[in-house]
C-alpha cells in the first residue's frame, strides 16, 4: 500500500508506522505501538542479562605460618567458593623476614591445590608479586555440571 494510506491507517488505529526493512524493495513498514515494542525489547534484554552466568573471583588471604586448624577453615571456605562456581585467588602475604622462606608459601599453595584437585583446576600457577604470592584456582567443568541437578532436587 502507499505511504499515505499506511500513515492514515496508523493514525486511525492510534499506533505508529515503523519502517522495518528500509533496504528491501519496496521498503517494508509495520503498524505497531512503538513504545510498547521498545519496553518489551528492553525487558527481554534485561532478562537475558539476568540469566547470564557471571563468574566472580573470591580472594582468600593466607600467611606462611598459618596453623593447621586455620588452614582447614580457609580450605573449606575455598572449597565452598569453588563449588558455587566462583574462581578463587589465593594470596600468601609475606612480612619482613618471611620473604626469605618463599618455599613455605609455595608449599602451602601447592597443598591447597592438591587437596582441591578434584573440584578445581589451576588457572594461574603460584607467582610472586611484590610481597604476595598469588595463585588462581578455577572450578573444574565436572564440578559445575552436577550443580543444576542438585538444585532441581531441592525444588
Protein backbone atom coordinates (compact mmCIF):
# COMPACT_ATOMS: atom_id res chain seq x y z
CA UNK A 1 0.00 0.00 0.00
CA UNK A 2 1.08 3.59 -0.37
CA UNK A 3 2.86 5.51 2.35
CA UNK A 4 -0.01 7.99 2.71
CA UNK A 5 -2.56 5.16 3.11
CA UNK A 6 -0.32 3.43 5.71
CA UNK A 7 0.09 6.68 7.70
CA UNK A 8 -3.67 7.27 7.67
CA UNK A 9 -4.31 3.69 8.85
CA UNK A 10 -1.78 4.09 11.68
CA UNK A 11 -3.36 7.36 12.83
CA UNK A 12 -6.81 5.76 12.68
CA UNK A 13 -5.66 2.88 14.93
CA UNK A 14 -3.73 5.28 17.21
CA UNK A 15 -0.47 3.43 16.55
CA UNK A 16 2.89 4.17 14.92
CA UNK A 17 4.12 3.39 11.41
CA UNK A 18 7.60 1.86 11.83
CA UNK A 19 9.95 1.09 8.94
CA UNK A 20 11.15 -2.48 9.48
CA UNK A 21 13.32 -3.16 6.39
CA UNK A 22 14.40 0.05 4.65
CA UNK A 23 16.76 -1.74 2.25
CA UNK A 24 14.00 -4.01 0.83
CA UNK A 25 12.39 -3.15 -2.49
CA UNK A 26 9.79 -1.73 -1.79
CA UNK A 27 10.65 -0.74 1.84
CA UNK A 28 8.71 -2.70 4.48
CA UNK A 29 6.86 -0.84 7.25
CA UNK A 30 4.72 -2.08 10.12
CA UNK A 31 1.90 -0.58 12.15
CA UNK A 32 2.63 -1.08 15.86
CA UNK A 33 2.73 0.56 19.26
CA UNK A 34 6.38 1.60 19.20
CA UNK A 35 6.53 2.48 22.93
CA UNK A 36 5.27 -0.99 23.87
CA UNK A 37 7.73 -2.57 21.42
CA UNK A 38 10.69 -0.67 22.98
CA UNK A 39 9.55 -1.59 26.51
CA UNK A 40 9.29 -5.29 25.66
CA UNK A 41 12.67 -5.34 23.92
CA UNK A 42 14.32 -3.68 26.94
CA UNK A 43 12.61 -6.17 29.24
CA UNK A 44 13.85 -9.08 27.09
CA UNK A 45 17.42 -7.73 27.18
CA UNK A 46 17.23 -7.34 30.96
CA UNK A 47 16.01 -10.94 31.38
CA UNK A 48 18.84 -12.12 29.15
CA UNK A 49 21.41 -10.36 31.33
CA UNK A 50 19.81 -11.78 34.48
CA UNK A 51 20.20 -15.35 33.22
CA UNK A 52 23.79 -14.72 32.15
CA UNK A 53 26.20 -16.54 34.47
CA UNK A 54 28.78 -14.13 35.89
CA UNK A 55 31.86 -15.73 37.37
CA UNK A 56 33.11 -13.91 40.42
CA UNK A 57 36.66 -14.01 41.76
CA UNK A 58 36.81 -14.54 45.52
CA UNK A 59 40.05 -13.96 47.39
CA UNK A 60 41.45 -15.93 50.32
CA UNK A 61 44.48 -14.50 52.13
CA UNK A 62 46.87 -16.76 53.99
CA UNK A 63 50.12 -16.31 55.94
CA UNK A 64 53.13 -18.65 55.71
CA UNK A 65 52.97 -19.53 59.43
CA UNK A 66 49.27 -20.50 59.36
CA UNK A 67 48.14 -23.09 61.89
CA UNK A 68 46.55 -26.40 60.83
CA UNK A 69 43.06 -25.53 62.09
CA UNK A 70 43.16 -22.11 60.40
CA UNK A 71 44.29 -23.79 57.18
CA UNK A 72 41.37 -26.23 57.34
CA UNK A 73 38.91 -23.38 57.95
CA UNK A 74 40.20 -21.45 54.95
CA UNK A 75 40.33 -24.68 52.89
CA UNK A 76 36.61 -25.32 53.49
CA UNK A 77 35.75 -21.71 52.58
CA UNK A 78 37.73 -22.01 49.31
CA UNK A 79 36.07 -25.35 48.59
CA UNK A 80 32.59 -23.82 49.02
CA UNK A 81 33.52 -20.91 46.70
CA UNK A 82 34.64 -23.35 44.00
CA UNK A 83 31.50 -25.48 44.40
CA UNK A 84 29.37 -22.35 43.90
CA UNK A 85 31.18 -21.81 40.58
CA UNK A 86 33.40 -18.88 41.59
CA UNK A 87 37.10 -18.55 40.87
CA UNK A 88 39.39 -18.22 43.90
CA UNK A 89 42.50 -16.08 44.17
CA UNK A 90 44.78 -17.46 46.89
CA UNK A 91 47.22 -14.91 48.29
CA UNK A 92 50.11 -15.67 50.65
CA UNK A 93 51.22 -12.48 52.37
CA UNK A 94 54.87 -12.33 53.41
CA UNK A 95 56.11 -9.86 56.03
CA UNK A 96 59.66 -8.93 56.94
CA UNK A 97 61.99 -11.92 57.10
CA UNK A 98 59.29 -14.28 55.83
CA UNK A 99 60.37 -13.22 52.32
CA UNK A 100 63.44 -15.45 52.75
CA UNK A 101 61.17 -18.51 53.12
CA UNK A 102 59.05 -18.22 49.99
CA UNK A 103 59.25 -22.01 49.64
CA UNK A 104 56.93 -22.34 52.66
CA UNK A 105 54.30 -20.20 50.91
CA UNK A 106 54.68 -22.20 47.68
CA UNK A 107 54.24 -25.48 49.60
CA UNK A 108 51.10 -24.05 51.22
CA UNK A 109 49.59 -23.13 47.83
CA UNK A 110 50.60 -26.48 46.35
CA UNK A 111 48.94 -28.29 49.26
CA UNK A 112 45.72 -26.29 48.79
CA UNK A 113 45.73 -27.03 45.03
CA UNK A 114 46.43 -30.74 45.64
CA UNK A 115 43.57 -31.12 48.12
CA UNK A 116 41.18 -29.27 45.76
CA UNK A 117 42.39 -31.14 42.65
CA UNK A 118 39.07 -32.99 42.19
CA UNK A 119 36.91 -29.86 42.01
CA UNK A 120 39.31 -27.26 40.58
CA UNK A 121 41.96 -26.53 38.01
CA UNK A 122 44.92 -24.21 38.42
CA UNK A 123 44.31 -21.21 36.20
CA UNK A 124 47.47 -19.40 37.24
CA UNK A 125 50.47 -21.05 38.88
CA UNK A 126 51.92 -19.50 42.06
CA UNK A 127 53.70 -16.27 41.19
CA UNK A 128 55.40 -13.74 43.45
CA UNK A 129 54.11 -10.18 43.06
CA UNK A 130 55.93 -7.89 45.48
CA UNK A 131 55.41 -9.31 48.96
CA UNK A 132 52.47 -11.50 47.93
CA UNK A 133 52.46 -14.90 46.25
CA UNK A 134 49.32 -15.38 44.17
CA UNK A 135 47.66 -18.44 42.64
CA UNK A 136 44.24 -18.58 40.93
CA UNK A 137 42.00 -21.65 41.01
CA UNK A 138 39.02 -22.07 38.71
CA UNK A 139 36.18 -24.56 39.24
CA UNK A 140 36.56 -27.72 37.15
CA UNK A 141 33.95 -28.30 34.43
CA UNK A 142 32.99 -31.61 36.02
CA UNK A 143 32.37 -29.89 39.35
CA UNK A 144 29.97 -27.37 37.76
CA UNK A 145 27.85 -29.93 35.86
CA UNK A 146 26.18 -31.64 38.87
CA UNK A 147 25.18 -28.30 40.41
CA UNK A 148 21.92 -27.73 38.41
CA UNK A 149 20.76 -31.27 39.18
CA UNK A 150 21.24 -30.68 42.90
CA UNK A 151 19.13 -27.52 42.65
CA UNK A 152 16.42 -29.41 40.74
CA UNK A 153 16.15 -31.98 43.53
CA UNK A 154 15.66 -29.24 46.13
CA UNK A 155 12.68 -27.76 44.26
